[in-house]
Protein backbone atom coordinates (compact mmCIF):
# COMPACT_ATOMS: atom_id res chain seq x y z
CA UNK A 1 0.00 0.01 -0.01
CA UNK A 2 1.73 3.21 -1.09
CA UNK A 3 2.13 6.33 0.99
CA UNK A 4 0.21 9.00 -0.86
CA UNK A 5 1.22 12.63 -0.55
CA UNK A 6 -1.22 13.80 -3.21
CA UNK A 7 -4.73 15.20 -2.65
CA UNK A 8 -7.36 12.49 -2.43
CA UNK A 9 -10.78 12.73 -4.08
CA UNK A 10 -13.22 10.67 -2.01
CA UNK A 11 -15.98 11.20 -4.57
CA UNK A 12 -14.57 8.38 -6.67
CA UNK A 13 -15.02 5.89 -3.84
CA UNK A 14 -17.78 3.31 -4.12
CA UNK A 15 -20.89 4.22 -2.16
CA UNK A 16 -20.59 0.88 -0.35
CA UNK A 17 -17.15 1.76 1.06
CA UNK A 18 -16.91 3.54 4.38
CA UNK A 19 -14.32 6.26 4.25
CA UNK A 20 -13.15 8.11 7.34
CA UNK A 21 -11.04 11.24 7.50
CA UNK A 22 -8.65 12.02 10.33
CA UNK A 23 -7.06 15.46 10.50
CA UNK A 24 -3.90 15.43 12.63
CA UNK A 25 -2.88 18.39 14.80
CA UNK A 26 0.40 20.27 14.61
CA UNK A 27 2.03 18.34 17.47
CA UNK A 28 1.78 14.57 17.72
CA UNK A 29 3.41 14.33 21.13
CA UNK A 30 2.89 11.91 24.05
CA UNK A 31 0.04 14.04 25.36
CA UNK A 32 -1.89 13.46 22.11
CA UNK A 33 -1.05 9.75 21.80
CA UNK A 34 -4.08 8.36 23.76
CA UNK A 35 -6.44 10.50 21.66
CA UNK A 36 -4.79 9.34 18.43
CA UNK A 37 -5.13 5.69 19.42
CA UNK A 38 -8.81 6.26 20.32
CA UNK A 39 -9.48 7.95 16.99
CA UNK A 40 -7.74 5.19 15.02
CA UNK A 41 -9.55 2.49 16.97
CA UNK A 42 -12.91 4.18 16.31
CA UNK A 43 -12.46 4.04 12.52
CA UNK A 44 -10.85 0.61 12.21
CA UNK A 45 -12.41 -1.35 9.37
CA UNK A 46 -12.98 1.65 7.15
CA UNK A 47 -10.92 3.26 4.44
CA UNK A 48 -8.92 5.96 6.26
CA UNK A 49 -7.60 9.23 4.83
CA UNK A 50 -5.17 10.88 7.30
CA UNK A 51 -4.54 14.60 6.69
CA UNK A 52 -1.01 15.30 8.01
CA UNK A 53 -0.56 18.73 6.40
CA UNK A 54 -0.41 20.56 9.75
CA UNK A 55 1.99 18.14 11.48
CA UNK A 56 5.26 19.71 12.57
CA UNK A 57 6.34 17.25 15.29
CA UNK A 58 5.87 13.49 15.64
CA UNK A 59 6.84 11.92 18.96
CA UNK A 60 7.61 8.25 19.55
CA UNK A 61 4.24 7.18 20.95
CA UNK A 62 2.29 8.73 18.07
CA UNK A 63 4.76 7.38 15.54
CA UNK A 64 4.22 3.88 16.95
CA UNK A 65 0.44 4.37 16.84
CA UNK A 66 0.61 5.44 13.17
CA UNK A 67 2.95 2.60 12.21
CA UNK A 68 0.65 0.14 14.02
CA UNK A 69 -2.38 1.56 12.18
CA UNK A 70 -0.61 1.08 8.82
CA UNK A 71 0.10 -2.57 9.70
CA UNK A 72 -3.44 -3.07 10.99
CA UNK A 73 -5.14 -1.58 7.94
CA UNK A 74 -2.85 -3.65 5.68
CA UNK A 75 -3.70 -6.83 7.63
CA UNK A 76 -7.39 -5.96 7.38
CA UNK A 77 -7.00 -5.35 3.64
CA UNK A 78 -8.23 -1.80 4.02
CA UNK A 79 -6.87 1.36 2.44
CA UNK A 80 -5.03 3.91 4.60
CA UNK A 81 -3.56 7.05 3.01
CA UNK A 82 -1.53 9.73 4.71
CA UNK A 83 -1.76 13.01 2.83
CA UNK A 84 0.60 15.93 3.03
CA UNK A 85 3.21 14.57 5.45
CA UNK A 86 5.86 17.27 5.60
CA UNK A 87 9.58 16.66 5.25
CA UNK A 88 9.86 17.52 8.95
CA UNK A 89 7.30 14.84 9.85
CA UNK A 90 8.99 12.27 7.60
CA UNK A 91 12.35 13.16 9.19
CA UNK A 92 10.88 12.71 12.69
CA UNK A 93 9.72 9.22 11.69
CA UNK A 94 13.09 8.33 10.21
CA UNK A 95 14.93 9.68 13.28
CA UNK A 96 12.69 7.54 15.49
CA UNK A 97 13.49 4.48 13.38
CA UNK A 98 9.92 4.20 12.11
CA UNK A 99 9.86 5.32 8.49
CA UNK A 100 6.22 5.04 7.49
CA UNK A 101 7.26 4.13 3.92
CA UNK A 102 8.78 0.90 5.26
CA UNK A 103 5.61 -0.04 7.18
CA UNK A 104 3.53 0.61 4.08
CA UNK A 105 5.65 -1.51 1.78
CA UNK A 106 5.24 -4.69 3.85
């Protein structure tokens, strides 16, 4: 499942598919981690579009939650796209040893 950094048009989705959108805040720090896990758990089983355009910081707990979500959606054979992840966000993930691209390619 590829990491998409392009805008996503949900109007092309089948009416039978459930698509959820999750807009991430600027800081994905340990304070936000429980809320992120709750939000991801609430939409499990649906196609998920994650808007990461505002993200400036990704801490370890949120990075693990996102990596786990990618693995879970892949195992569930569901689509998960992360849109607009900044270079800073991607660098945070690489520095934490959790490049999202690797999780998506498995």
